[in-house]
Amino acid sequence: MLQKAPQDIPYSRSLFLLLLLIGYLVNNLYLALSLPEPDWGTVLQVVSIHTVFFLGSLSALMMLMGYRARVFQTLTALLGTDIIISILAMPALLAINYFPHLAGYFGLILLLLIIWSLVIMAHILRHALSISFLLAGLFVFGYFMLSVKLVDYLLPATG
């Protein structure tokens, strides 16, 4: 685990765009499953804004740090891992809705998947930016907190 780096992924705009589309669809489904009564208009809006925030903030960070050439490979790696983890989390989201008496257990599974996702993201950024894992972890934690605040702002009733 955590042995591959973004440079191990082929530079491919087609692969990036494919994963961007799949990720967008998966994240729409993920958010809809996590809401008690999903409004698809709101779901599409939130995922669209979150996707722009994801692409913009990470691209800006890469460019500010002088790694413009690695942007597509890094975003491709991040999109791919996000898709996998989101798909792995969906059964737990469904289980929370169908087995509310076991919500604590499934919530713990979701928490562990979120932590795993952050560790993977830090690993990818560590290689992409040629920085320490600690600094990459701080970047990821900051990104995660801003992302949570953005979703809370966009969905105040669920926050």
C-alpha atoms as a PDB file:
ATOM      1  CA  MET A   1       0.000   0.000   0.000  1.00  0.00           C
ATOM      2  CA  LEU A   2       1.138   3.544  -0.749  1.00  0.00           C
ATOM      3  CA  GLN A   3       3.900   2.361  -3.063  1.00  0.00           C
ATOM      4  CA  LYS A   4       2.852   4.014  -6.310  1.00  0.00           C
ATOM      5  CA  ALA A   5       3.306   7.712  -7.043  1.00  0.00           C
ATOM      6  CA  PRO A   6       1.516  10.046  -9.483  1.00  0.00           C
ATOM      7  CA  GLN A   7       4.419   9.819 -11.914  1.00  0.00           C
ATOM      8  CA  ASP A   8       3.611   6.106 -12.291  1.00  0.00           C
ATOM      9  CA  ILE A   9       0.346   7.071 -14.005  1.00  0.00           C
ATOM     10  CA  PRO A  10       0.594   7.760 -17.739  1.00  0.00           C
ATOM     11  CA  TYR A  11       0.182  11.376 -18.792  1.00  0.00           C
ATOM     12  CA  SER A  12      -3.160  11.268 -20.533  1.00  0.00           C
ATOM     13  CA  ARG A  13      -5.712  14.038 -20.856  1.00  0.00           C
ATOM     14  CA  SER A  14      -8.235  11.443 -22.043  1.00  0.00           C
ATOM     15  CA  LEU A  15      -7.776   9.373 -18.882  1.00  0.00           C
ATOM     16  CA  PHE A  16      -8.027  12.534 -16.779  1.00  0.00           C
ATOM     17  CA  LEU A  17     -11.280  13.590 -18.476  1.00  0.00           C
ATOM     18  CA  LEU A  18     -12.729  10.087 -18.208  1.00  0.00           C
ATOM     19  CA  LEU A  19     -11.937   9.907 -14.479  1.00  0.00           C
ATOM     20  CA  LEU A  20     -13.268  13.446 -14.010  1.00  0.00           C
ATOM     21  CA  LEU A  21     -16.603  12.406 -15.552  1.00  0.00           C
ATOM     22  CA  ILE A  22     -16.783   9.132 -13.615  1.00  0.00           C
ATOM     23  CA  GLY A  23     -15.785  10.923 -10.414  1.00  0.00           C
ATOM     24  CA  TYR A  24     -18.458  13.556 -10.961  1.00  0.00           C
ATOM     25  CA  LEU A  25     -21.139  10.886 -11.415  1.00  0.00           C
ATOM     26  CA  VAL A  26     -19.920   8.798  -8.459  1.00  0.00           C
ATOM     27  CA  ASN A  27     -19.774  11.859  -6.192  1.00  0.00           C
ATOM     28  CA  ASN A  28     -23.324  12.835  -7.165  1.00  0.00           C
ATOM     29  CA  LEU A  29     -24.523   9.373  -6.173  1.00  0.00           C
ATOM     30  CA  TYR A  30     -22.394   9.425  -2.986  1.00  0.00           C
ATOM     31  CA  LEU A  31     -23.846  12.777  -1.876  1.00  0.00           C
ATOM     32  CA  ALA A  32     -27.392  11.704  -2.734  1.00  0.00           C
ATOM     33  CA  LEU A  33     -26.955   8.542  -0.633  1.00  0.00           C
ATOM     34  CA  SER A  34     -25.654  10.569   2.295  1.00  0.00           C
ATOM     35  CA  LEU A  35     -28.685  12.886   2.415  1.00  0.00           C
ATOM     36  CA  PRO A  36     -31.970  11.789   4.010  1.00  0.00           C
ATOM     37  CA  GLU A  37     -34.053  13.381   1.251  1.00  0.00           C
ATOM     38  CA  PRO A  38     -31.795  14.293  -1.665  1.00  0.00           C
ATOM     39  CA  ASP A  39     -32.768  17.174  -3.922  1.00  0.00           C
ATOM     40  CA  TRP A  40     -30.981  16.397  -7.203  1.00  0.00           C
ATOM     41  CA  GLY A  41     -30.701  20.072  -8.144  1.00  0.00           C
ATOM     42  CA  THR A  42     -28.847  20.786  -4.910  1.00  0.00           C
ATOM     43  CA  VAL A  43     -26.761  17.619  -5.229  1.00  0.00           C
ATOM     44  CA  LEU A  44     -25.633  18.577  -8.757  1.00  0.00           C
ATOM     45  CA  GLN A  45     -24.853  22.126  -7.640  1.00  0.00           C
ATOM     46  CA  VAL A  46     -22.846  21.054  -4.584  1.00  0.00           C
ATOM     47  CA  VAL A  47     -20.845  18.416  -6.472  1.00  0.00           C
ATOM     48  CA  SER A  48     -20.166  20.858  -9.325  1.00  0.00           C
ATOM     49  CA  ILE A  49     -18.868  23.527  -6.949  1.00  0.00           C
ATOM     50  CA  HIS A  50     -16.868  20.975  -4.975  1.00  0.00           C
ATOM     51  CA  THR A  51     -15.326  19.616  -8.194  1.00  0.00           C
ATOM     52  CA  VAL A  52     -14.277  23.116  -9.299  1.00  0.00           C
ATOM     53  CA  PHE A  53     -12.855  23.743  -5.794  1.00  0.00           C
ATOM     54  CA  PHE A  54     -10.949  20.432  -5.930  1.00  0.00           C
ATOM     55  CA  LEU A  55      -9.486  21.055  -9.388  1.00  0.00           C
ATOM     56  CA  GLY A  56      -8.779  24.729  -8.782  1.00  0.00           C
ATOM     57  CA  SER A  57      -7.216  24.517  -5.340  1.00  0.00           C
ATOM     58  CA  LEU A  58      -4.973  21.555  -6.115  1.00  0.00           C
ATOM     59  CA  SER A  59      -3.941  22.927  -9.521  1.00  0.00           C
ATOM     60  CA  ALA A  60      -3.141  26.279  -7.928  1.00  0.00           C
ATOM     61  CA  LEU A  61      -1.084  24.600  -5.199  1.00  0.00           C
ATOM     62  CA  MET A  62       0.866  22.600  -7.785  1.00  0.00           C
ATOM     63  CA  MET A  63       1.528  25.678  -9.899  1.00  0.00           C
ATOM     64  CA  LEU A  64       2.513  27.817  -6.898  1.00  0.00           C
ATOM     65  CA  MET A  65       5.000  25.159  -5.861  1.00  0.00           C
ATOM     66  CA  GLY A  66       6.425  25.054  -9.402  1.00  0.00           C
ATOM     67  CA  TYR A  67       5.068  21.680 -10.503  1.00  0.00           C
ATOM     68  CA  ARG A  68       2.812  22.673 -13.376  1.00  0.00           C
ATOM     69  CA  ALA A  69       3.982  19.718 -15.487  1.00  0.00           C
ATOM     70  CA  ARG A  70       2.691  17.248 -12.875  1.00  0.00           C
ATOM     71  CA  VAL A  71      -0.834  18.638 -12.570  1.00  0.00           C
ATOM     72  CA  PHE A  72      -2.630  16.175 -14.883  1.00  0.00           C
ATOM     73  CA  GLN A  73      -0.944  13.078 -13.491  1.00  0.00           C
ATOM     74  CA  THR A  74      -1.540  14.211  -9.910  1.00  0.00           C
ATOM     75  CA  LEU A  75      -5.197  15.073 -10.483  1.00  0.00           C
ATOM     76  CA  THR A  76      -5.668  11.793 -12.363  1.00  0.00           C
ATOM     77  CA  ALA A  77      -4.237   9.867  -9.405  1.00  0.00           C
ATOM     78  CA  LEU A  78      -6.394  11.801  -6.932  1.00  0.00           C
ATOM     79  CA  LEU A  79      -9.545  11.331  -9.022  1.00  0.00           C
ATOM     80  CA  GLY A  80      -8.928   7.608  -9.397  1.00  0.00           C
ATOM     81  CA  THR A  81      -8.402   7.035  -5.693  1.00  0.00           C
ATOM     82  CA  ASP A  82     -11.409   9.208  -4.821  1.00  0.00           C
ATOM     83  CA  ILE A  83     -13.624   7.119  -7.107  1.00  0.00           C
ATOM     84  CA  ILE A  84     -12.451   3.870  -5.508  1.00  0.00           C
ATOM     85  CA  ILE A  85     -12.918   5.098  -1.946  1.00  0.00           C
ATOM     86  CA  SER A  86     -16.316   6.643  -2.719  1.00  0.00           C
ATOM     87  CA  ILE A  87     -17.512   3.362  -4.207  1.00  0.00           C
ATOM     88  CA  LEU A  88     -16.192   1.475  -1.167  1.00  0.00           C
ATOM     89  CA  ALA A  89     -18.100   3.875   1.125  1.00  0.00           C
ATOM     90  CA  MET A  90     -21.459   3.546  -0.636  1.00  0.00           C
ATOM     91  CA  PRO A  91     -22.511   0.270   1.012  1.00  0.00           C
ATOM     92  CA  ALA A  92     -21.924   1.831   4.437  1.00  0.00           C
ATOM     93  CA  LEU A  93     -24.013   4.867   3.451  1.00  0.00           C
ATOM     94  CA  LEU A  94     -26.830   2.593   2.314  1.00  0.00           C
ATOM     95  CA  ALA A  95     -26.544   0.481   5.463  1.00  0.00           C
ATOM     96  CA  ILE A  96     -26.921   3.557   7.680  1.00  0.00           C
ATOM     97  CA  ASN A  97     -30.238   4.294   5.978  1.00  0.00           C
ATOM     98  CA  TYR A  98     -31.514   0.706   6.165  1.00  0.00           C
ATOM     99  CA  PHE A  99     -30.084  -0.271   9.561  1.00  0.00           C
ATOM    100  CA  PRO A 100     -30.213   2.888  11.701  1.00  0.00           C
ATOM    101  CA  HIS A 101     -29.594   0.877  14.880  1.00  0.00           C
ATOM    102  CA  LEU A 102     -26.140   0.028  13.478  1.00  0.00           C
ATOM    103  CA  ALA A 103     -25.350   3.566  12.298  1.00  0.00           C
ATOM    104  CA  GLY A 104     -22.467   3.893  14.768  1.00  0.00           C
ATOM    105  CA  TYR A 105     -20.637   0.912  13.280  1.00  0.00           C
ATOM    106  CA  PHE A 106     -21.158   2.028   9.722  1.00  0.00           C
ATOM    107  CA  GLY A 107     -20.237   5.581  10.702  1.00  0.00           C
ATOM    108  CA  LEU A 108     -16.939   4.246  12.036  1.00  0.00           C
ATOM    109  CA  ILE A 109     -16.336   2.505   8.707  1.00  0.00           C
ATOM    110  CA  LEU A 110     -16.979   5.804   6.914  1.00  0.00           C
ATOM    111  CA  LEU A 111     -14.627   7.642   9.268  1.00  0.00           C
ATOM    112  CA  LEU A 112     -11.875   5.092   8.608  1.00  0.00           C
ATOM    113  CA  LEU A 113     -12.415   5.436   4.853  1.00  0.00           C
ATOM    114  CA  ILE A 114     -12.154   9.234   5.143  1.00  0.00           C
ATOM    115  CA  ILE A 115      -8.903   8.937   7.109  1.00  0.00           C
ATOM    116  CA  TRP A 116      -7.576   6.429   4.571  1.00  0.00           C
ATOM    117  CA  SER A 117      -8.540   8.805   1.764  1.00  0.00           C
ATOM    118  CA  LEU A 118      -6.656  11.679   3.437  1.00  0.00           C
ATOM    119  CA  VAL A 119      -3.566   9.505   3.929  1.00  0.00           C
ATOM    120  CA  ILE A 120      -3.637   8.474   0.256  1.00  0.00           C
ATOM    121  CA  MET A 121      -4.092  12.089  -0.816  1.00  0.00           C
ATOM    122  CA  ALA A 122      -1.122  13.145   1.338  1.00  0.00           C
ATOM    123  CA  HIS A 123       0.950  10.321  -0.162  1.00  0.00           C
ATOM    124  CA  ILE A 124       0.121  11.463  -3.702  1.00  0.00           C
ATOM    125  CA  LEU A 125       0.871  15.120  -2.921  1.00  0.00           C
ATOM    126  CA  ARG A 126       4.100  14.173  -1.159  1.00  0.00           C
ATOM    127  CA  HIS A 127       5.389  12.674  -4.388  1.00  0.00           C
ATOM    128  CA  ALA A 128       3.832  15.257  -6.700  1.00  0.00           C
ATOM    129  CA  LEU A 129       5.276  18.220  -4.786  1.00  0.00           C
ATOM    130  CA  SER A 130       8.507  16.527  -3.618  1.00  0.00           C
ATOM    131  CA  ILE A 131       7.787  17.445   0.003  1.00  0.00           C
ATOM    132  CA  SER A 132       7.657  15.572   3.293  1.00  0.00           C
ATOM    133  CA  PHE A 133       4.649  13.454   4.188  1.00  0.00           C
ATOM    134  CA  LEU A 134       4.013  15.751   7.181  1.00  0.00           C
ATOM    135  CA  LEU A 135       3.818  18.874   5.021  1.00  0.00           C
ATOM    136  CA  ALA A 136       1.652  17.059   2.475  1.00  0.00           C
ATOM    137  CA  GLY A 137      -0.582  15.956   5.350  1.00  0.00           C
ATOM    138  CA  LEU A 138      -0.918  19.566   6.506  1.00  0.00           C
ATOM    139  CA  PHE A 139      -1.900  20.631   2.983  1.00  0.00           C
ATOM    140  CA  VAL A 140      -4.447  17.819   2.803  1.00  0.00           C
ATOM    141  CA  PHE A 141      -5.862  18.629   6.234  1.00  0.00           C
ATOM    142  CA  GLY A 142      -6.256  22.291   5.235  1.00  0.00           C
ATOM    143  CA  TYR A 143      -7.911  21.297   1.977  1.00  0.00           C
ATOM    144  CA  PHE A 144     -10.228  18.898   3.824  1.00  0.00           C
ATOM    145  CA  MET A 145     -11.278  21.535   6.369  1.00  0.00           C
ATOM    146  CA  LEU A 146     -11.973  24.103   3.637  1.00  0.00           C
ATOM    147  CA  SER A 147     -13.906  21.461   1.715  1.00  0.00           C
ATOM    148  CA  VAL A 148     -16.037  20.625   4.768  1.00  0.00           C
ATOM    149  CA  LYS A 149     -16.735  24.335   5.338  1.00  0.00           C
ATOM    150  CA  LEU A 150     -17.711  24.734   1.686  1.00  0.00           C
ATOM    151  CA  VAL A 151     -20.191  21.850   1.881  1.00  0.00           C
ATOM    152  CA  ASP A 152     -21.560  23.177   5.195  1.00  0.00           C
ATOM    153  CA  TYR A 153     -22.073  26.549   3.543  1.00  0.00           C
ATOM    154  CA  LEU A 154     -23.781  25.011   0.501  1.00  0.00           C
ATOM    155  CA  LEU A 155     -25.915  22.583   2.554  1.00  0.00           C
ATOM    156  CA  PRO A 156     -26.529  24.409   5.840  1.00  0.00           C
ATOM    157  CA  ALA A 157     -29.466  22.188   6.814  1.00  0.00           C
ATOM    158  CA  THR A 158     -27.279  19.064   6.814  1.00  0.00           C
ATOM    159  CA  GLY A 159     -24.257  20.573   8.604  1.00  0.00           C
END
